[in-house]
Amino acid sequence: MKADKVREIDSAELQTRLQESEEQMFRLRFQLTMGQNEGIKKYRELRKDRARMMTIISERRAKGEVIAPPVAKKSAKPAAKKAAKPAAKTAAKPAVKKAAAKTAAAKKAVKKGTK
């Protein structure tokens, strides 16, 4: 995408396209690490397009235009999982950590005493 075309896009749309390109880059990076080299050209193009978009956004901010960050898409599933956690299970974790710390301290004390 040329810089002239990027400048024609409004700020909200530019932010969403930037976010989409970041997600695409993540997927391509993952594929490249897995040994699939078909996406290397696409990855390079995305990187340059992303840089152009970020440059245009920073130019607009320098001019004084207010650019709101894109709204993150959240699913309802993670919130439901957090609400479904039993309170007893979360309360037990600090007690387990304290017990582990006490046993580690006791082992250190025993080692110091045997030297």
C-alpha atoms as a PDB file:
ATOM      1  CA  MET A   1       0.000   0.000   0.000  1.00  0.00           C
ATOM      2  CA  LYS A   2       1.409   3.385  -0.963  1.00  0.00           C
ATOM      3  CA  ALA A   3       1.670   6.240   1.526  1.00  0.00           C
ATOM      4  CA  ASP A   4      -0.802   8.351  -0.496  1.00  0.00           C
ATOM      5  CA  LYS A   5      -3.476   5.686  -0.087  1.00  0.00           C
ATOM      6  CA  VAL A   6      -2.744   5.408   3.629  1.00  0.00           C
ATOM      7  CA  ARG A   7      -3.149   9.178   4.039  1.00  0.00           C
ATOM      8  CA  GLU A   8      -6.646   8.992   2.504  1.00  0.00           C
ATOM      9  CA  ILE A   9      -7.857   6.609   5.212  1.00  0.00           C
ATOM     10  CA  ASP A  10      -9.443   8.144   8.308  1.00  0.00           C
ATOM     11  CA  SER A  11      -7.791   7.661  11.697  1.00  0.00           C
ATOM     12  CA  ALA A  12     -10.211   5.093  13.136  1.00  0.00           C
ATOM     13  CA  GLU A  13      -9.961   2.872  10.062  1.00  0.00           C
ATOM     14  CA  LEU A  14      -6.187   3.277  10.077  1.00  0.00           C
ATOM     15  CA  GLN A  15      -6.015   2.071  13.678  1.00  0.00           C
ATOM     16  CA  THR A  16      -8.101  -1.015  12.911  1.00  0.00           C
ATOM     17  CA  ARG A  17      -5.988  -1.832   9.853  1.00  0.00           C
ATOM     18  CA  LEU A  18      -2.849  -1.432  11.934  1.00  0.00           C
ATOM     19  CA  GLN A  19      -4.191  -3.856  14.514  1.00  0.00           C
ATOM     20  CA  GLU A  20      -5.182  -6.359  11.807  1.00  0.00           C
ATOM     21  CA  SER A  21      -1.736  -6.153  10.238  1.00  0.00           C
ATOM     22  CA  GLU A  22      -0.121  -6.827  13.621  1.00  0.00           C
ATOM     23  CA  GLU A  23      -2.248  -9.950  14.011  1.00  0.00           C
ATOM     24  CA  GLN A  24      -1.340 -11.090  10.504  1.00  0.00           C
ATOM     25  CA  MET A  25       2.350 -10.496  11.202  1.00  0.00           C
ATOM     26  CA  PHE A  26       2.083 -12.605  14.339  1.00  0.00           C
ATOM     27  CA  ARG A  27       0.590 -15.484  12.350  1.00  0.00           C
ATOM     28  CA  LEU A  28       3.240 -15.187   9.648  1.00  0.00           C
ATOM     29  CA  ARG A  29       6.042 -15.080  12.216  1.00  0.00           C
ATOM     30  CA  PHE A  30       4.637 -18.226  13.752  1.00  0.00           C
ATOM     31  CA  GLN A  31       4.579 -19.931  10.344  1.00  0.00           C
ATOM     32  CA  LEU A  32       8.143 -18.861   9.622  1.00  0.00           C
ATOM     33  CA  THR A  33       9.383 -20.341  12.885  1.00  0.00           C
ATOM     34  CA  MET A  34       7.620 -23.580  12.007  1.00  0.00           C
ATOM     35  CA  GLY A  35       9.613 -23.750   8.776  1.00  0.00           C
ATOM     36  CA  GLN A  36       6.992 -22.593   6.287  1.00  0.00           C
ATOM     37  CA  ASN A  37       8.824 -20.087   4.096  1.00  0.00           C
ATOM     38  CA  GLU A  38       5.940 -19.218   1.764  1.00  0.00           C
ATOM     39  CA  GLY A  39       5.003 -16.100   3.740  1.00  0.00           C
ATOM     40  CA  ILE A  40       8.339 -14.315   3.819  1.00  0.00           C
ATOM     41  CA  LYS A  41       7.428 -11.825   1.045  1.00  0.00           C
ATOM     42  CA  LYS A  42       4.061 -11.156   2.642  1.00  0.00           C
ATOM     43  CA  TYR A  43       5.755 -10.621   6.000  1.00  0.00           C
ATOM     44  CA  ARG A  44       8.161  -8.048   4.528  1.00  0.00           C
ATOM     45  CA  GLU A  45       5.313  -6.186   2.824  1.00  0.00           C
ATOM     46  CA  LEU A  46       3.262  -6.164   6.019  1.00  0.00           C
ATOM     47  CA  ARG A  47       6.194  -4.824   7.990  1.00  0.00           C
ATOM     48  CA  LYS A  48       6.624  -1.926   5.568  1.00  0.00           C
ATOM     49  CA  ASP A  49       2.887  -1.203   5.405  1.00  0.00           C
ATOM     50  CA  ARG A  50       2.722  -1.203   9.189  1.00  0.00           C
ATOM     51  CA  ALA A  51       5.616   1.263   9.330  1.00  0.00           C
ATOM     52  CA  ARG A  52       3.822   3.534   6.836  1.00  0.00           C
ATOM     53  CA  MET A  53       0.635   3.425   8.900  1.00  0.00           C
ATOM     54  CA  MET A  54       2.491   4.197  12.109  1.00  0.00           C
ATOM     55  CA  THR A  55       4.270   7.116  10.415  1.00  0.00           C
ATOM     56  CA  ILE A  56       0.969   8.595   9.214  1.00  0.00           C
ATOM     57  CA  ILE A  57      -0.536   8.192  12.691  1.00  0.00           C
ATOM     58  CA  SER A  58       2.417   9.951  14.306  1.00  0.00           C
ATOM     59  CA  GLU A  59       2.181  12.774  11.727  1.00  0.00           C
ATOM     60  CA  ARG A  60      -1.481  13.233  12.554  1.00  0.00           C
ATOM     61  CA  ARG A  61      -0.744  13.282  16.283  1.00  0.00           C
ATOM     62  CA  ALA A  62       1.961  15.919  15.683  1.00  0.00           C
ATOM     63  CA  LYS A  63      -0.638  18.067  13.915  1.00  0.00           C
ATOM     64  CA  GLY A  64      -2.820  17.835  17.005  1.00  0.00           C
ATOM     65  CA  GLU A  65      -5.415  15.393  15.785  1.00  0.00           C
ATOM     66  CA  VAL A  66      -6.795  13.191  18.544  1.00  0.00           C
ATOM     67  CA  ILE A  67      -6.441   9.532  17.649  1.00  0.00           C
ATOM     68  CA  ALA A  68      -8.153   7.067  19.945  1.00  0.00           C
ATOM     69  CA  PRO A  69      -6.616   3.609  20.348  1.00  0.00           C
ATOM     70  CA  PRO A  70      -8.587   0.768  18.746  1.00  0.00           C
ATOM     71  CA  VAL A  71     -11.104  -1.031  20.896  1.00  0.00           C
ATOM     72  CA  ALA A  72      -9.856  -4.506  21.785  1.00  0.00           C
ATOM     73  CA  LYS A  73     -12.171  -7.366  20.990  1.00  0.00           C
ATOM     74  CA  LYS A  74     -12.856  -9.450  24.076  1.00  0.00           C
ATOM     75  CA  SER A  75     -14.691 -12.707  24.278  1.00  0.00           C
ATOM     76  CA  ALA A  76     -17.015 -13.647  27.115  1.00  0.00           C
ATOM     77  CA  LYS A  77     -15.293 -16.962  27.764  1.00  0.00           C
ATOM     78  CA  PRO A  78     -12.304 -15.770  29.872  1.00  0.00           C
ATOM     79  CA  ALA A  79     -14.537 -13.688  32.124  1.00  0.00           C
ATOM     80  CA  ALA A  80     -16.835 -16.655  32.691  1.00  0.00           C
ATOM     81  CA  LYS A  81     -13.890 -18.832  33.651  1.00  0.00           C
ATOM     82  CA  LYS A  82     -12.689 -16.308  36.224  1.00  0.00           C
ATOM     83  CA  ALA A  83     -16.148 -16.045  37.748  1.00  0.00           C
ATOM     84  CA  ALA A  84     -16.497 -19.831  37.901  1.00  0.00           C
ATOM     85  CA  LYS A  85     -13.297 -20.301  39.959  1.00  0.00           C
ATOM     86  CA  PRO A  86     -14.057 -21.453  43.471  1.00  0.00           C
ATOM     87  CA  ALA A  87     -12.927 -19.119  46.239  1.00  0.00           C
ATOM     88  CA  ALA A  88     -11.419 -21.954  48.274  1.00  0.00           C
ATOM     89  CA  LYS A  89      -9.045 -22.881  45.482  1.00  0.00           C
ATOM     90  CA  THR A  90      -7.666 -19.358  45.133  1.00  0.00           C
ATOM     91  CA  ALA A  91      -7.360 -18.974  48.902  1.00  0.00           C
ATOM     92  CA  ALA A  92      -5.341 -22.192  49.191  1.00  0.00           C
ATOM     93  CA  LYS A  93      -2.548 -21.015  46.887  1.00  0.00           C
ATOM     94  CA  PRO A  94      -0.941 -18.478  49.292  1.00  0.00           C
ATOM     95  CA  ALA A  95      -0.985 -21.068  52.075  1.00  0.00           C
ATOM     96  CA  VAL A  96       0.822 -23.563  49.850  1.00  0.00           C
ATOM     97  CA  LYS A  97       3.436 -20.967  48.926  1.00  0.00           C
ATOM     98  CA  LYS A  98       4.002 -20.103  52.600  1.00  0.00           C
ATOM     99  CA  ALA A  99       4.418 -23.766  53.490  1.00  0.00           C
ATOM    100  CA  ALA A 100       6.914 -24.240  50.651  1.00  0.00           C
ATOM    101  CA  ALA A 101       8.871 -21.196  51.835  1.00  0.00           C
ATOM    102  CA  LYS A 102       8.980 -22.554  55.381  1.00  0.00           C
ATOM    103  CA  THR A 103      10.293 -25.928  54.227  1.00  0.00           C
ATOM    104  CA  ALA A 104      12.917 -24.237  52.039  1.00  0.00           C
ATOM    105  CA  ALA A 105      14.022 -22.109  54.993  1.00  0.00           C
ATOM    106  CA  ALA A 106      14.179 -25.198  57.208  1.00  0.00           C
ATOM    107  CA  LYS A 107      16.350 -27.017  54.654  1.00  0.00           C
ATOM    108  CA  LYS A 108      18.742 -24.056  54.491  1.00  0.00           C
ATOM    109  CA  ALA A 109      18.987 -23.987  58.258  1.00  0.00           C
ATOM    110  CA  VAL A 110      19.804 -27.701  58.337  1.00  0.00           C
ATOM    111  CA  LYS A 111      22.508 -27.268  55.691  1.00  0.00           C
ATOM    112  CA  LYS A 112      24.104 -24.384  57.585  1.00  0.00           C
ATOM    113  CA  GLY A 113      24.083 -26.407  60.783  1.00  0.00           C
ATOM    114  CA  THR A 114      25.874 -29.425  59.228  1.00  0.00           C
ATOM    115  CA  LYS A 115      28.807 -27.455  57.777  1.00  0.00           C
END
